[in-house]
PDB file of all heavy atoms in Angstrom:
ATOM      1  N   LEU A   1      -5.202 -20.098   1.952  1.00  0.00           N
ATOM      2  CA  LEU A   1      -5.644 -19.051   1.028  1.00  0.00           C
ATOM      3  C   LEU A   1      -6.270 -19.666  -0.220  1.00  0.00           C
ATOM      4  O   LEU A   1      -7.342 -19.233  -0.678  1.00  0.00           O
ATOM      5  CB  LEU A   1      -4.463 -18.161   0.651  1.00  0.00           C
ATOM      6  CG  LEU A   1      -4.779 -16.924  -0.197  1.00  0.00           C
ATOM      7  CD1 LEU A   1      -5.575 -15.914   0.620  1.00  0.00           C
ATOM      8  CD2 LEU A   1      -3.494 -16.285  -0.701  1.00  0.00           C
ATOM      9  N   LYS A   2      -5.635 -20.684  -0.762  1.00  0.00           N
ATOM     10  CA  LYS A   2      -6.149 -21.357  -1.960  1.00  0.00           C
ATOM     11  C   LYS A   2      -7.489 -22.030  -1.672  1.00  0.00           C
ATOM     12  O   LYS A   2      -8.414 -21.999  -2.491  1.00  0.00           O
ATOM     13  CB  LYS A   2      -5.126 -22.387  -2.444  1.00  0.00           C
ATOM     14  CG  LYS A   2      -5.516 -23.094  -3.730  1.00  0.00           C
ATOM     15  CD  LYS A   2      -4.438 -24.075  -4.171  1.00  0.00           C
ATOM     16  CE  LYS A   2      -4.848 -24.803  -5.452  1.00  0.00           C
ATOM     17  NZ  LYS A   2      -3.809 -25.777  -5.875  1.00  0.00           N
ATOM     18  N   GLN A   3      -7.589 -22.645  -0.494  1.00  0.00           N
ATOM     19  CA  GLN A   3      -8.842 -23.311  -0.116  1.00  0.00           C
ATOM     20  C   GLN A   3      -9.992 -22.311  -0.050  1.00  0.00           C
ATOM     21  O   GLN A   3     -11.088 -22.562  -0.576  1.00  0.00           O
ATOM     22  CB  GLN A   3      -8.677 -24.003   1.231  1.00  0.00           C
ATOM     23  CG  GLN A   3      -9.974 -24.621   1.764  1.00  0.00           C
ATOM     24  CD  GLN A   3      -9.905 -24.908   3.257  1.00  0.00           C
ATOM     25  OE1 GLN A   3      -8.829 -25.065   3.808  1.00  0.00           O
ATOM     26  NE2 GLN A   3     -11.054 -24.954   3.906  1.00  0.00           N
ATOM     27  N   MET A   4      -9.762 -21.172   0.599  1.00  0.00           N
ATOM     28  CA  MET A   4     -10.824 -20.173   0.748  1.00  0.00           C
ATOM     29  C   MET A   4     -11.186 -19.550  -0.599  1.00  0.00           C
ATOM     30  O   MET A   4     -12.346 -19.240  -0.854  1.00  0.00           O
ATOM     31  CB  MET A   4     -10.392 -19.085   1.743  1.00  0.00           C
ATOM     32  CG  MET A   4     -10.149 -19.595   3.154  1.00  0.00           C
ATOM     33  SD  MET A   4     -11.548 -20.524   3.837  1.00  0.00           S
ATOM     34  CE  MET A   4     -12.812 -19.256   3.887  1.00  0.00           C
ATOM     35  N   TRP A   5     -10.206 -19.373  -1.473  1.00  0.00           N
ATOM     36  CA  TRP A   5     -10.478 -18.857  -2.819  1.00  0.00           C
ATOM     37  C   TRP A   5     -11.383 -19.819  -3.587  1.00  0.00           C
ATOM     38  O   TRP A   5     -12.296 -19.411  -4.290  1.00  0.00           O
ATOM     39  CB  TRP A   5      -9.168 -18.624  -3.556  1.00  0.00           C
ATOM     40  CG  TRP A   5      -9.343 -18.188  -4.979  1.00  0.00           C
ATOM     41  CD1 TRP A   5      -9.355 -18.963  -6.094  1.00  0.00           C
ATOM     42  CD2 TRP A   5      -9.567 -16.843  -5.447  1.00  0.00           C
ATOM     43  NE1 TRP A   5      -9.554 -18.206  -7.222  1.00  0.00           N
ATOM     44  CE2 TRP A   5      -9.692 -16.894  -6.858  1.00  0.00           C
ATOM     45  CE3 TRP A   5      -9.662 -15.611  -4.809  1.00  0.00           C
ATOM     46  CZ2 TRP A   5      -9.913 -15.762  -7.634  1.00  0.00           C
ATOM     47  CZ3 TRP A   5      -9.882 -14.482  -5.580  1.00  0.00           C
ATOM     48  CH2 TRP A   5     -10.004 -14.553  -6.964  1.00  0.00           C
ATOM     49  N   GLY A   6     -11.111 -21.111  -3.417  1.00  0.00           N
ATOM     50  CA  GLY A   6     -11.898 -22.114  -4.119  1.00  0.00           C
ATOM     51  C   GLY A   6     -13.328 -22.218  -3.627  1.00  0.00           C
ATOM     52  O   GLY A   6     -14.191 -22.761  -4.327  1.00  0.00           O
ATOM     53  N   GLU A   7     -13.631 -21.716  -2.434  1.00  0.00           N
ATOM     54  CA  GLU A   7     -14.985 -21.792  -1.883  1.00  0.00           C
ATOM     55  C   GLU A   7     -15.889 -20.651  -2.354  1.00  0.00           C
ATOM     56  O   GLU A   7     -17.042 -20.567  -1.936  1.00  0.00           O
ATOM     57  CB  GLU A   7     -14.925 -21.825  -0.350  1.00  0.00           C
ATOM     58  CG  GLU A   7     -14.326 -23.121   0.179  1.00  0.00           C
ATOM     59  CD  GLU A   7     -14.296 -23.180   1.696  1.00  0.00           C
ATOM     60  OE1 GLU A   7     -14.873 -22.266   2.331  1.00  0.00           O
ATOM     61  OE2 GLU A   7     -13.704 -24.119   2.249  1.00  0.00           O
ATOM     62  N   GLY A   8     -15.349 -19.769  -3.187  1.00  0.00           N
ATOM     63  CA  GLY A   8     -16.190 -18.710  -3.757  1.00  0.00           C
ATOM     64  C   GLY A   8     -16.112 -17.405  -2.995  1.00  0.00           C
ATOM     65  O   GLY A   8     -15.615 -17.345  -1.867  1.00  0.00           O
ATOM     66  N   ARG A   9     -16.626 -16.361  -3.613  1.00  0.00           N
ATOM     67  CA  ARG A   9     -16.461 -15.017  -3.038  1.00  0.00           C
ATOM     68  C   ARG A   9     -17.211 -14.817  -1.731  1.00  0.00           C
ATOM     69  O   ARG A   9     -16.799 -14.031  -0.888  1.00  0.00           O
ATOM     70  CB  ARG A   9     -16.875 -13.945  -4.046  1.00  0.00           C
ATOM     71  CG  ARG A   9     -18.343 -13.926  -4.406  1.00  0.00           C
ATOM     72  CD  ARG A   9     -18.623 -12.958  -5.547  1.00  0.00           C
ATOM     73  NE  ARG A   9     -20.040 -12.828  -5.819  1.00  0.00           N
ATOM     74  CZ  ARG A   9     -20.809 -11.876  -5.325  1.00  0.00           C
ATOM     75  NH1 ARG A   9     -20.284 -10.956  -4.547  1.00  0.00           N
ATOM     76  NH2 ARG A   9     -22.094 -11.812  -5.605  1.00  0.00           N
ATOM     77  N   THR A  10     -18.318 -15.538  -1.543  1.00  0.00           N
ATOM     78  CA  THR A  10     -19.068 -15.368  -0.295  1.00  0.00           C
ATOM     79  C   THR A  10     -18.295 -15.895   0.908  1.00  0.00           C
ATOM     80  O   THR A  10     -18.577 -15.515   2.040  1.00  0.00           O
ATOM     81  CB  THR A  10     -20.429 -16.081  -0.371  1.00  0.00           C
ATOM     82  OG1 THR A  10     -20.222 -17.469  -0.649  1.00  0.00           O
ATOM     83  CG2 THR A  10     -21.297 -15.481  -1.457  1.00  0.00           C
ATOM     84  N   GLN A  11     -17.320 -16.787   0.671  1.00  0.00           N
ATOM     85  CA  GLN A  11     -16.452 -17.262   1.744  1.00  0.00           C
ATOM     86  C   GLN A  11     -15.110 -16.526   1.730  1.00  0.00           C
ATOM     87  O   GLN A  11     -14.582 -16.184   2.795  1.00  0.00           O
ATOM     88  CB  GLN A  11     -16.209 -18.773   1.583  1.00  0.00           C
ATOM     89  CG  GLN A  11     -17.416 -19.635   1.881  1.00  0.00           C
ATOM     90  CD  GLN A  11     -17.817 -19.583   3.338  1.00  0.00           C
ATOM     91  OE1 GLN A  11     -17.004 -19.810   4.227  1.00  0.00           O
ATOM     92  NE2 GLN A  11     -19.081 -19.273   3.589  1.00  0.00           N
ATOM     93  N   PHE A  12     -14.595 -16.262   0.527  1.00  0.00           N
ATOM     94  CA  PHE A  12     -13.257 -15.661   0.444  1.00  0.00           C
ATOM     95  C   PHE A  12     -13.247 -14.211   0.919  1.00  0.00           C
ATOM     96  O   PHE A  12     -12.335 -13.808   1.651  1.00  0.00           O
ATOM     97  CB  PHE A  12     -12.743 -15.745  -0.994  1.00  0.00           C
ATOM     98  CG  PHE A  12     -11.363 -15.157  -1.160  1.00  0.00           C
ATOM     99  CD1 PHE A  12     -10.250 -15.857  -0.717  1.00  0.00           C
ATOM    100  CD2 PHE A  12     -11.187 -13.909  -1.740  1.00  0.00           C
ATOM    101  CE1 PHE A  12      -8.975 -15.317  -0.856  1.00  0.00           C
ATOM    102  CE2 PHE A  12      -9.919 -13.367  -1.873  1.00  0.00           C
ATOM    103  CZ  PHE A  12      -8.809 -14.081  -1.436  1.00  0.00           C
ATOM    104  N   LEU A  13     -14.239 -13.424   0.528  1.00  0.00           N
ATOM    105  CA  LEU A  13     -14.223 -12.004   0.900  1.00  0.00           C
ATOM    106  C   LEU A  13     -14.308 -11.783   2.409  1.00  0.00           C
ATOM    107  O   LEU A  13     -13.516 -11.009   2.961  1.00  0.00           O
ATOM    108  CB  LEU A  13     -15.338 -11.255   0.161  1.00  0.00           C
ATOM    109  CG  LEU A  13     -15.080 -11.025  -1.337  1.00  0.00           C
ATOM    110  CD1 LEU A  13     -16.258 -10.318  -1.991  1.00  0.00           C
ATOM    111  CD2 LEU A  13     -13.808 -10.212  -1.543  1.00  0.00           C
ATOM    112  N   PRO A  14     -15.248 -12.424   3.136  1.00  0.00           N
ATOM    113  CA  PRO A  14     -15.214 -12.269   4.601  1.00  0.00           C
ATOM    114  C   PRO A  14     -13.887 -12.740   5.199  1.00  0.00           C
ATOM    115  O   PRO A  14     -13.378 -12.131   6.146  1.00  0.00           O
ATOM    116  CB  PRO A  14     -16.375 -13.149   5.073  1.00  0.00           C
ATOM    117  CG  PRO A  14     -17.297 -13.229   3.918  1.00  0.00           C
ATOM    118  CD  PRO A  14     -16.417 -13.216   2.708  1.00  0.00           C
ATOM    119  N   PHE A  15     -13.321 -13.813   4.632  1.00  0.00           N
ATOM    120  CA  PHE A  15     -12.041 -14.334   5.128  1.00  0.00           C
ATOM    121  C   PHE A  15     -10.932 -13.305   4.950  1.00  0.00           C
ATOM    122  O   PHE A  15     -10.242 -12.950   5.911  1.00  0.00           O
ATOM    123  CB  PHE A  15     -11.714 -15.625   4.371  1.00  0.00           C
ATOM    124  CG  PHE A  15     -10.268 -16.058   4.469  1.00  0.00           C
ATOM    125  CD1 PHE A  15      -9.802 -16.698   5.598  1.00  0.00           C
ATOM    126  CD2 PHE A  15      -9.386 -15.824   3.418  1.00  0.00           C
ATOM    127  CE1 PHE A  15      -8.470 -17.100   5.689  1.00  0.00           C
ATOM    128  CE2 PHE A  15      -8.062 -16.221   3.499  1.00  0.00           C
ATOM    129  CZ  PHE A  15      -7.602 -16.859   4.641  1.00  0.00           C
ATOM    130  N   ILE A  16     -10.752 -12.806   3.726  1.00  0.00           N
ATOM    131  CA  ILE A  16      -9.621 -11.913   3.459  1.00  0.00           C
ATOM    132  C   ILE A  16      -9.822 -10.550   4.121  1.00  0.00           C
ATOM    133  O   ILE A  16      -8.858  -9.916   4.569  1.00  0.00           O
ATOM    134  CB  ILE A  16      -9.389 -11.776   1.930  1.00  0.00           C
ATOM    135  CG1 ILE A  16      -7.975 -11.276   1.641  1.00  0.00           C
ATOM    136  CG2 ILE A  16     -10.426 -10.870   1.296  1.00  0.00           C
ATOM    137  CD1 ILE A  16      -6.898 -12.273   2.021  1.00  0.00           C
ATOM    138  N   ILE A  17     -11.071 -10.101   4.201  1.00  0.00           N
ATOM    139  CA  ILE A  17     -11.339  -8.822   4.883  1.00  0.00           C
ATOM    140  C   ILE A  17     -11.060  -8.956   6.374  1.00  0.00           C
ATOM    141  O   ILE A  17     -10.534  -8.028   7.011  1.00  0.00           O
ATOM    142  CB  ILE A  17     -12.791  -8.364   4.616  1.00  0.00           C
ATOM    143  CG1 ILE A  17     -12.933  -7.933   3.149  1.00  0.00           C
ATOM    144  CG2 ILE A  17     -13.189  -7.227   5.547  1.00  0.00           C
ATOM    145  CD1 ILE A  17     -14.349  -7.618   2.720  1.00  0.00           C
ATOM    146  N   THR A  18     -11.388 -10.111   6.966  1.00  0.00           N
ATOM    147  CA  THR A  18     -11.060 -10.348   8.374  1.00  0.00           C
ATOM    148  C   THR A  18      -9.551 -10.299   8.579  1.00  0.00           C
ATOM    149  O   THR A  18      -9.063  -9.683   9.541  1.00  0.00           O
ATOM    150  CB  THR A  18     -11.603 -11.720   8.829  1.00  0.00           C
ATOM    151  OG1 THR A  18     -13.019 -11.746   8.672  1.00  0.00           O
ATOM    152  CG2 THR A  18     -11.253 -11.982  10.287  1.00  0.00           C
ATOM    153  N   VAL A  19      -8.815 -10.941   7.687  1.00  0.00           N
ATOM    154  CA  VAL A  19      -7.348 -10.942   7.783  1.00  0.00           C
ATOM    155  C   VAL A  19      -6.804  -9.516   7.734  1.00  0.00           C
ATOM    156  O   VAL A  19      -6.038  -9.092   8.608  1.00  0.00           O
ATOM    157  CB  VAL A  19      -6.725 -11.785   6.644  1.00  0.00           C
ATOM    158  CG1 VAL A  19      -5.204 -11.632   6.634  1.00  0.00           C
ATOM    159  CG2 VAL A  19      -7.105 -13.247   6.789  1.00  0.00           C
ATOM    160  N   VAL A  20      -7.218  -8.769   6.727  1.00  0.00           N
ATOM    161  CA  VAL A  20      -6.714  -7.400   6.549  1.00  0.00           C
ATOM    162  C   VAL A  20      -7.125  -6.514   7.723  1.00  0.00           C
ATOM    163  O   VAL A  20      -6.319  -5.727   8.244  1.00  0.00           O
ATOM    164  CB  VAL A  20      -7.230  -6.815   5.214  1.00  0.00           C
ATOM    165  CG1 VAL A  20      -6.853  -5.340   5.094  1.00  0.00           C
ATOM    166  CG2 VAL A  20      -6.677  -7.607   4.035  1.00  0.00           C
ATOM    167  N   ALA A  21      -8.371  -6.649   8.168  1.00  0.00           N
ATOM    168  CA  ALA A  21      -8.871  -5.806   9.257  1.00  0.00           C
ATOM    169  C   ALA A  21      -8.117  -6.073  10.558  1.00  0.00           C
ATOM    170  O   ALA A  21      -7.768  -5.131  11.289  1.00  0.00           O
ATOM    171  CB  ALA A  21     -10.369  -6.050   9.458  1.00  0.00           C
ATOM    172  N   ILE A  22      -7.849  -7.343  10.869  1.00  0.00           N
ATOM    173  CA  ILE A  22      -7.118  -7.662  12.100  1.00  0.00           C
ATOM    174  C   ILE A  22      -5.685  -7.146  12.025  1.00  0.00           C
ATOM    175  O   ILE A  22      -5.155  -6.573  12.984  1.00  0.00           O
ATOM    176  CB  ILE A  22      -7.141  -9.184  12.365  1.00  0.00           C
ATOM    177  CG1 ILE A  22      -8.561  -9.637  12.715  1.00  0.00           C
ATOM    178  CG2 ILE A  22      -6.191  -9.556  13.503  1.00  0.00           C
ATOM    179  CD1 ILE A  22      -8.705 -11.134  12.891  1.00  0.00           C
ATOM    180  N   VAL A  23      -5.067  -7.332  10.868  1.00  0.00           N
ATOM    181  CA  VAL A  23      -3.678  -6.880  10.702  1.00  0.00           C
ATOM    182  C   VAL A  23      -3.574  -5.361  10.825  1.00  0.00           C
ATOM    183  O   VAL A  23      -2.633  -4.833  11.424  1.00  0.00           O
ATOM    184  CB  VAL A  23      -3.119  -7.356   9.343  1.00  0.00           C
ATOM    185  CG1 VAL A  23      -1.762  -6.706   9.046  1.00  0.00           C
ATOM    186  CG2 VAL A  23      -2.985  -8.876   9.333  1.00  0.00           C
ATOM    187  N   LEU A  24      -4.566  -4.646  10.283  1.00  0.00           N
ATOM    188  CA  LEU A  24      -4.490  -3.177  10.257  1.00  0.00           C
ATOM    189  C   LEU A  24      -5.102  -2.513  11.484  1.00  0.00           C
ATOM    190  O   LEU A  24      -4.998  -1.292  11.643  1.00  0.00           O
ATOM    191  CB  LEU A  24      -5.181  -2.646   8.999  1.00  0.00           C
ATOM    192  CG  LEU A  24      -4.535  -3.041   7.665  1.00  0.00           C
ATOM    193  CD1 LEU A  24      -5.275  -2.413   6.504  1.00  0.00           C
ATOM    194  CD2 LEU A  24      -3.055  -2.654   7.634  1.00  0.00           C
ATOM    195  N   THR A  25      -5.778  -3.270  12.346  1.00  0.00           N
ATOM    196  CA  THR A  25      -6.344  -2.682  13.581  1.00  0.00           C
ATOM    197  C   THR A  25      -5.845  -3.506  14.765  1.00  0.00           C
ATOM    198  O   THR A  25      -4.706  -3.427  15.149  1.00  0.00           O
ATOM    199  CB  THR A  25      -7.881  -2.662  13.519  1.00  0.00           C
ATOM    200  OG1 THR A  25      -8.389  -3.990  13.296  1.00  0.00           O
ATOM    201  CG2 THR A  25      -8.371  -1.762  12.395  1.00  0.00           C
ATOM    202  N   ASP A  26      -6.741  -4.262  15.354  1.00  0.00           N
ATOM    203  CA  ASP A  26      -6.365  -5.242  16.379  1.00  0.00           C
ATOM    204  C   ASP A  26      -7.334  -6.411  16.291  1.00  0.00           C
ATOM    205  O   ASP A  26      -8.252  -6.411  15.460  1.00  0.00           O
ATOM    206  CB  ASP A  26      -6.352  -4.628  17.785  1.00  0.00           C
ATOM    207  CG  ASP A  26      -7.698  -4.029  18.168  1.00  0.00           C
ATOM    208  OD1 ASP A  26      -8.746  -4.598  17.799  1.00  0.00           O
ATOM    209  OD2 ASP A  26      -7.706  -2.984  18.849  1.00  0.00           O
ATOM    210  N   LEU A  27      -7.128  -7.402  17.138  1.00  0.00           N
ATOM    211  CA  LEU A  27      -7.890  -8.639  17.011  1.00  0.00           C
ATOM    212  C   LEU A  27      -9.391  -8.412  17.148  1.00  0.00           C
ATOM    213  O   LEU A  27     -10.177  -8.880  16.320  1.00  0.00           O
ATOM    214  CB  LEU A  27      -7.401  -9.653  18.051  1.00  0.00           C
ATOM    215  CG  LEU A  27      -7.946 -11.073  17.914  1.00  0.00           C
ATOM    216  CD1 LEU A  27      -6.879 -12.091  18.281  1.00  0.00           C
ATOM    217  CD2 LEU A  27      -9.156 -11.286  18.799  1.00  0.00           C
ATOM    218  N   LEU A  28      -9.805  -7.688  18.172  1.00  0.00           N
ATOM    219  CA  LEU A  28     -11.239  -7.534  18.427  1.00  0.00           C
ATOM    220  C   LEU A  28     -11.916  -6.713  17.331  1.00  0.00           C
ATOM    221  O   LEU A  28     -12.957  -7.117  16.791  1.00  0.00           O
ATOM    222  CB  LEU A  28     -11.465  -6.878  19.794  1.00  0.00           C
ATOM    223  CG  LEU A  28     -12.924  -6.744  20.215  1.00  0.00           C
ATOM    224  CD1 LEU A  28     -13.582  -8.106  20.337  1.00  0.00           C
ATOM    225  CD2 LEU A  28     -13.040  -5.976  21.525  1.00  0.00           C
ATOM    226  N   VAL A  29     -11.342  -5.579  16.972  1.00  0.00           N
ATOM    227  CA  VAL A  29     -11.933  -4.725  15.937  1.00  0.00           C
ATOM    228  C   VAL A  29     -11.978  -5.473  14.606  1.00  0.00           C
ATOM    229  O   VAL A  29     -12.984  -5.442  13.883  1.00  0.00           O
ATOM    230  CB  VAL A  29     -11.140  -3.407  15.799  1.00  0.00           C
ATOM    231  CG1 VAL A  29     -11.642  -2.600  14.604  1.00  0.00           C
ATOM    232  CG2 VAL A  29     -11.245  -2.587  17.076  1.00  0.00           C
ATOM    233  N   GLY A  30     -10.892  -6.158  14.275  1.00  0.00           N
ATOM    234  CA  GLY A  30     -10.843  -6.907  13.022  1.00  0.00           C
ATOM    235  C   GLY A  30     -11.884  -8.006  12.956  1.00  0.00           C
ATOM    236  O   GLY A  30     -12.529  -8.211  11.920  1.00  0.00           O
ATOM    237  N   ILE A  31     -12.070  -8.719  14.070  1.00  0.00           N
ATOM    238  CA  ILE A  31     -13.084  -9.781  14.120  1.00  0.00           C
ATOM    239  C   ILE A  31     -14.470  -9.190  13.886  1.00  0.00           C
ATOM    240  O   ILE A  31     -15.296  -9.742  13.140  1.00  0.00           O
ATOM    241  CB  ILE A  31     -13.042 -10.497  15.488  1.00  0.00           C
ATOM    242  CG1 ILE A  31     -11.905 -11.514  15.506  1.00  0.00           C
ATOM    243  CG2 ILE A  31     -14.350 -11.208  15.776  1.00  0.00           C
ATOM    244  CD1 ILE A  31     -12.151 -12.746  14.688  1.00  0.00           C
ATOM    245  N   LEU A  32     -14.770  -8.072  14.523  1.00  0.00           N
ATOM    246  CA  LEU A  32     -16.089  -7.452  14.367  1.00  0.00           C
ATOM    247  C   LEU A  32     -16.310  -6.975  12.928  1.00  0.00           C
ATOM    248  O   LEU A  32     -17.412  -7.100  12.386  1.00  0.00           O
ATOM    249  CB  LEU A  32     -16.238  -6.283  15.352  1.00  0.00           C
ATOM    250  CG  LEU A  32     -16.265  -6.675  16.837  1.00  0.00           C
ATOM    251  CD1 LEU A  32     -16.326  -5.436  17.721  1.00  0.00           C
ATOM    252  CD2 LEU A  32     -17.444  -7.595  17.125  1.00  0.00           C
TER     253      LEU A  32
END
């Protein structure tokens, strides 16, 4: 988490949104 935060918002936001989306839906939907 710290590493992705340090890489800036263009890397952190897709990362954290992918995490949240997979957790709240399923693997395939979250990845998309």
